[in-house]
Amino acid sequence: MDVINTIGRRKKAIARIYMKEGKGNIVVNNKDYKEYFPIATLQYVVNQPLEITENSGKFDFHVNLNGGGIKGQAEALRLAISKALVELDPESRPPLKAKGLLRRDPRMVERKKYGQKKARKKFQFSKR
């Protein structure tokens, strides 16, 4: 098996991954993913596609993550891993698609409007 590289995005986070056969190591920005994502729910999000396709411990991932917050980065990584697994084995597509892991989440931060405090919040109105 050759090295498979894919990309995943969520909000402003971008995950570039390189997948090859191995022992299940996930290295994110030269750190172990459990050190990079210390919260258990984020670790679960990262492992979700591997557990659904029953590929835990079969592949090594080298990940470059930048932009966004920690949760957006974890979800970008989840999308990239899902894409790589489908590229390797097209039969893993239906279970991943059923869980919604192959769709990029299009929700982005709404822009701030002029004459307002934030996107929707207004400045305080004084009648008198």
C-alpha atoms as a PDB file:
ATOM      1  CA  MET A   1       0.000   0.000   0.000  1.00  0.00           C
ATOM      2  CA  ASP A   2       1.226   3.447  -0.918  1.00  0.00           C
ATOM      3  CA  VAL A   3       0.774   6.611   1.120  1.00  0.00           C
ATOM      4  CA  ILE A   4      -2.718   8.113   0.763  1.00  0.00           C
ATOM      5  CA  ASN A   5      -3.083  11.822   1.423  1.00  0.00           C
ATOM      6  CA  THR A   6      -6.366  13.678   1.812  1.00  0.00           C
ATOM      7  CA  ILE A   7      -7.644  16.955   3.192  1.00  0.00           C
ATOM      8  CA  GLY A   8     -10.507  17.782   5.541  1.00  0.00           C
ATOM      9  CA  ARG A   9     -11.972  21.152   6.486  1.00  0.00           C
ATOM     10  CA  ARG A  10     -14.329  22.521   9.141  1.00  0.00           C
ATOM     11  CA  LYS A  11     -14.882  26.259   9.773  1.00  0.00           C
ATOM     12  CA  LYS A  12     -11.360  27.721   9.492  1.00  0.00           C
ATOM     13  CA  ALA A  13      -9.576  24.449  10.378  1.00  0.00           C
ATOM     14  CA  ILE A  14      -7.679  22.509   7.714  1.00  0.00           C
ATOM     15  CA  ALA A  15      -6.371  18.961   8.231  1.00  0.00           C
ATOM     16  CA  ARG A  16      -3.903  17.436   5.775  1.00  0.00           C
ATOM     17  CA  ILE A  17      -3.259  13.746   6.440  1.00  0.00           C
ATOM     18  CA  TYR A  18      -0.881  11.089   5.144  1.00  0.00           C
ATOM     19  CA  MET A  19      -2.116   7.519   5.737  1.00  0.00           C
ATOM     20  CA  LYS A  20      -0.028   4.366   5.481  1.00  0.00           C
ATOM     21  CA  GLU A  21      -0.132   0.863   6.931  1.00  0.00           C
ATOM     22  CA  GLY A  22       1.094   0.672  10.504  1.00  0.00           C
ATOM     23  CA  LYS A  23       0.194   0.097  14.135  1.00  0.00           C
ATOM     24  CA  GLY A  24      -2.479   2.752  14.659  1.00  0.00           C
ATOM     25  CA  ASN A  25      -0.320   5.773  15.506  1.00  0.00           C
ATOM     26  CA  ILE A  26      -1.898   9.171  14.882  1.00  0.00           C
ATOM     27  CA  VAL A  27       0.661  11.997  14.978  1.00  0.00           C
ATOM     28  CA  VAL A  28      -0.815  15.514  14.886  1.00  0.00           C
ATOM     29  CA  ASN A  29       1.667  18.388  14.411  1.00  0.00           C
ATOM     30  CA  ASN A  30       4.503  16.150  15.711  1.00  0.00           C
ATOM     31  CA  LYS A  31       2.542  15.187  18.879  1.00  0.00           C
ATOM     32  CA  ASP A  32       0.488  12.123  19.704  1.00  0.00           C
ATOM     33  CA  TYR A  33      -3.193  12.819  19.088  1.00  0.00           C
ATOM     34  CA  LYS A  34      -4.060  12.053  22.732  1.00  0.00           C
ATOM     35  CA  GLU A  35      -1.659  14.805  23.782  1.00  0.00           C
ATOM     36  CA  TYR A  36      -2.914  17.220  21.090  1.00  0.00           C
ATOM     37  CA  PHE A  37      -6.594  16.508  21.869  1.00  0.00           C
ATOM     38  CA  PRO A  38      -6.624  15.999  25.672  1.00  0.00           C
ATOM     39  CA  ILE A  39     -10.443  15.846  25.892  1.00  0.00           C
ATOM     40  CA  ALA A  40     -11.926  12.347  25.566  1.00  0.00           C
ATOM     41  CA  THR A  41     -14.835  13.474  23.370  1.00  0.00           C
ATOM     42  CA  LEU A  42     -12.418  14.933  20.798  1.00  0.00           C
ATOM     43  CA  GLN A  43     -10.392  11.704  20.822  1.00  0.00           C
ATOM     44  CA  TYR A  44     -13.649   9.829  20.166  1.00  0.00           C
ATOM     45  CA  VAL A  45     -14.431  12.171  17.238  1.00  0.00           C
ATOM     46  CA  VAL A  46     -11.011  11.468  15.698  1.00  0.00           C
ATOM     47  CA  ASN A  47     -11.383   7.669  16.110  1.00  0.00           C
ATOM     48  CA  GLN A  48     -15.003   7.523  14.927  1.00  0.00           C
ATOM     49  CA  PRO A  49     -14.366   6.624  11.239  1.00  0.00           C
ATOM     50  CA  LEU A  50     -11.791   3.979  12.210  1.00  0.00           C
ATOM     51  CA  GLU A  51     -14.191   2.303  14.650  1.00  0.00           C
ATOM     52  CA  ILE A  52     -17.122   2.373  12.195  1.00  0.00           C
ATOM     53  CA  THR A  53     -15.040   0.681   9.463  1.00  0.00           C
ATOM     54  CA  GLU A  54     -13.293  -1.622  12.008  1.00  0.00           C
ATOM     55  CA  ASN A  55      -9.823  -0.388  11.012  1.00  0.00           C
ATOM     56  CA  SER A  56      -8.539   0.634  14.460  1.00  0.00           C
ATOM     57  CA  GLY A  57      -4.824  -0.112  14.819  1.00  0.00           C
ATOM     58  CA  LYS A  58      -4.224  -0.883  11.131  1.00  0.00           C
ATOM     59  CA  PHE A  59      -3.006   2.475   9.807  1.00  0.00           C
ATOM     60  CA  ASP A  60      -0.598   5.219  10.808  1.00  0.00           C
ATOM     61  CA  PHE A  61      -1.585   8.849  10.216  1.00  0.00           C
ATOM     62  CA  HIS A  62       0.723  11.841   9.987  1.00  0.00           C
ATOM     63  CA  VAL A  63      -1.423  14.975  10.293  1.00  0.00           C
ATOM     64  CA  ASN A  64      -0.778  18.680   9.671  1.00  0.00           C
ATOM     65  CA  LEU A  65      -3.472  20.761  11.361  1.00  0.00           C
ATOM     66  CA  ASN A  66      -3.817  24.530  11.301  1.00  0.00           C
ATOM     67  CA  GLY A  67      -6.454  27.192  11.728  1.00  0.00           C
ATOM     68  CA  GLY A  68      -9.634  27.233  13.770  1.00  0.00           C
ATOM     69  CA  GLY A  69     -10.265  25.944  17.256  1.00  0.00           C
ATOM     70  CA  ILE A  70      -9.660  22.552  18.808  1.00  0.00           C
ATOM     71  CA  LYS A  71     -13.150  21.169  18.063  1.00  0.00           C
ATOM     72  CA  GLY A  72     -13.109  22.351  14.440  1.00  0.00           C
ATOM     73  CA  GLN A  73      -9.676  20.772  14.015  1.00  0.00           C
ATOM     74  CA  ALA A  74     -10.901  17.439  15.409  1.00  0.00           C
ATOM     75  CA  GLU A  75     -13.877  17.438  13.035  1.00  0.00           C
ATOM     76  CA  ALA A  76     -11.676  18.398  10.070  1.00  0.00           C
ATOM     77  CA  LEU A  77      -9.396  15.477  10.941  1.00  0.00           C
ATOM     78  CA  ARG A  78     -12.410  13.141  11.149  1.00  0.00           C
ATOM     79  CA  LEU A  79     -13.478  14.147   7.616  1.00  0.00           C
ATOM     80  CA  ALA A  80      -9.944  13.675   6.238  1.00  0.00           C
ATOM     81  CA  ILE A  81      -9.636  10.195   7.809  1.00  0.00           C
ATOM     82  CA  SER A  82     -13.049   9.222   6.430  1.00  0.00           C
ATOM     83  CA  LYS A  83     -12.057  10.338   2.924  1.00  0.00           C
ATOM     84  CA  ALA A  84      -8.785   8.389   3.121  1.00  0.00           C
ATOM     85  CA  LEU A  85     -10.561   5.198   4.230  1.00  0.00           C
ATOM     86  CA  VAL A  86     -13.017   5.480   1.319  1.00  0.00           C
ATOM     87  CA  GLU A  87     -10.144   6.079  -1.114  1.00  0.00           C
ATOM     88  CA  LEU A  88      -8.456   2.901   0.163  1.00  0.00           C
ATOM     89  CA  ASP A  89     -11.605   0.746   0.291  1.00  0.00           C
ATOM     90  CA  PRO A  90     -14.762   1.947  -1.543  1.00  0.00           C
ATOM     91  CA  GLU A  91     -16.851  -0.622   0.382  1.00  0.00           C
ATOM     92  CA  SER A  92     -16.400   1.433   3.564  1.00  0.00           C
ATOM     93  CA  ARG A  93     -18.361   4.311   1.983  1.00  0.00           C
ATOM     94  CA  PRO A  94     -21.962   3.261   2.906  1.00  0.00           C
ATOM     95  CA  PRO A  95     -21.435   2.973   6.706  1.00  0.00           C
ATOM     96  CA  LEU A  96     -19.494   6.268   6.816  1.00  0.00           C
ATOM     97  CA  LYS A  97     -22.079   8.015   4.654  1.00  0.00           C
ATOM     98  CA  ALA A  98     -24.915   6.723   6.862  1.00  0.00           C
ATOM     99  CA  LYS A  99     -23.272   8.377   9.894  1.00  0.00           C
ATOM    100  CA  GLY A 100     -22.725  11.606   7.910  1.00  0.00           C
ATOM    101  CA  LEU A 101     -18.927  11.516   8.100  1.00  0.00           C
ATOM    102  CA  LEU A 102     -18.291  12.156   4.406  1.00  0.00           C
ATOM    103  CA  ARG A 103     -20.079  15.510   4.273  1.00  0.00           C
ATOM    104  CA  ARG A 104     -18.223  18.757   4.938  1.00  0.00           C
ATOM    105  CA  ASP A 105     -20.123  20.817   7.493  1.00  0.00           C
ATOM    106  CA  PRO A 106     -20.875  24.071   5.629  1.00  0.00           C
ATOM    107  CA  ARG A 107     -21.670  26.178   8.708  1.00  0.00           C
ATOM    108  CA  MET A 108     -19.330  29.152   9.069  1.00  0.00           C
ATOM    109  CA  VAL A 109     -19.182  32.163  11.363  1.00  0.00           C
ATOM    110  CA  GLU A 110     -21.560  34.886  10.233  1.00  0.00           C
ATOM    111  CA  ARG A 111     -19.844  38.150   9.426  1.00  0.00           C
ATOM    112  CA  LYS A 112     -20.162  41.275  11.556  1.00  0.00           C
ATOM    113  CA  LYS A 113     -22.414  43.956  10.068  1.00  0.00           C
ATOM    114  CA  TYR A 114     -21.715  47.696  10.191  1.00  0.00           C
ATOM    115  CA  GLY A 115     -23.790  49.682  12.668  1.00  0.00           C
ATOM    116  CA  GLN A 116     -24.037  46.637  14.930  1.00  0.00           C
ATOM    117  CA  LYS A 117     -21.966  45.208  17.775  1.00  0.00           C
ATOM    118  CA  LYS A 118     -21.686  41.713  16.286  1.00  0.00           C
ATOM    119  CA  ALA A 119     -23.383  39.727  13.523  1.00  0.00           C
ATOM    120  CA  ARG A 120     -26.833  39.927  15.124  1.00  0.00           C
ATOM    121  CA  LYS A 121     -26.371  41.893  18.361  1.00  0.00           C
ATOM    122  CA  LYS A 122     -27.235  45.570  18.098  1.00  0.00           C
ATOM    123  CA  PHE A 123     -25.917  48.579  19.991  1.00  0.00           C
ATOM    124  CA  GLN A 124     -28.115  49.539  22.941  1.00  0.00           C
ATOM    125  CA  PHE A 125     -31.068  51.680  21.865  1.00  0.00           C
ATOM    126  CA  SER A 126     -31.924  54.750  23.905  1.00  0.00           C
ATOM    127  CA  LYS A 127     -35.336  56.278  23.326  1.00  0.00           C
ATOM    128  CA  ARG A 128     -34.525  59.448  25.316  1.00  0.00           C
END
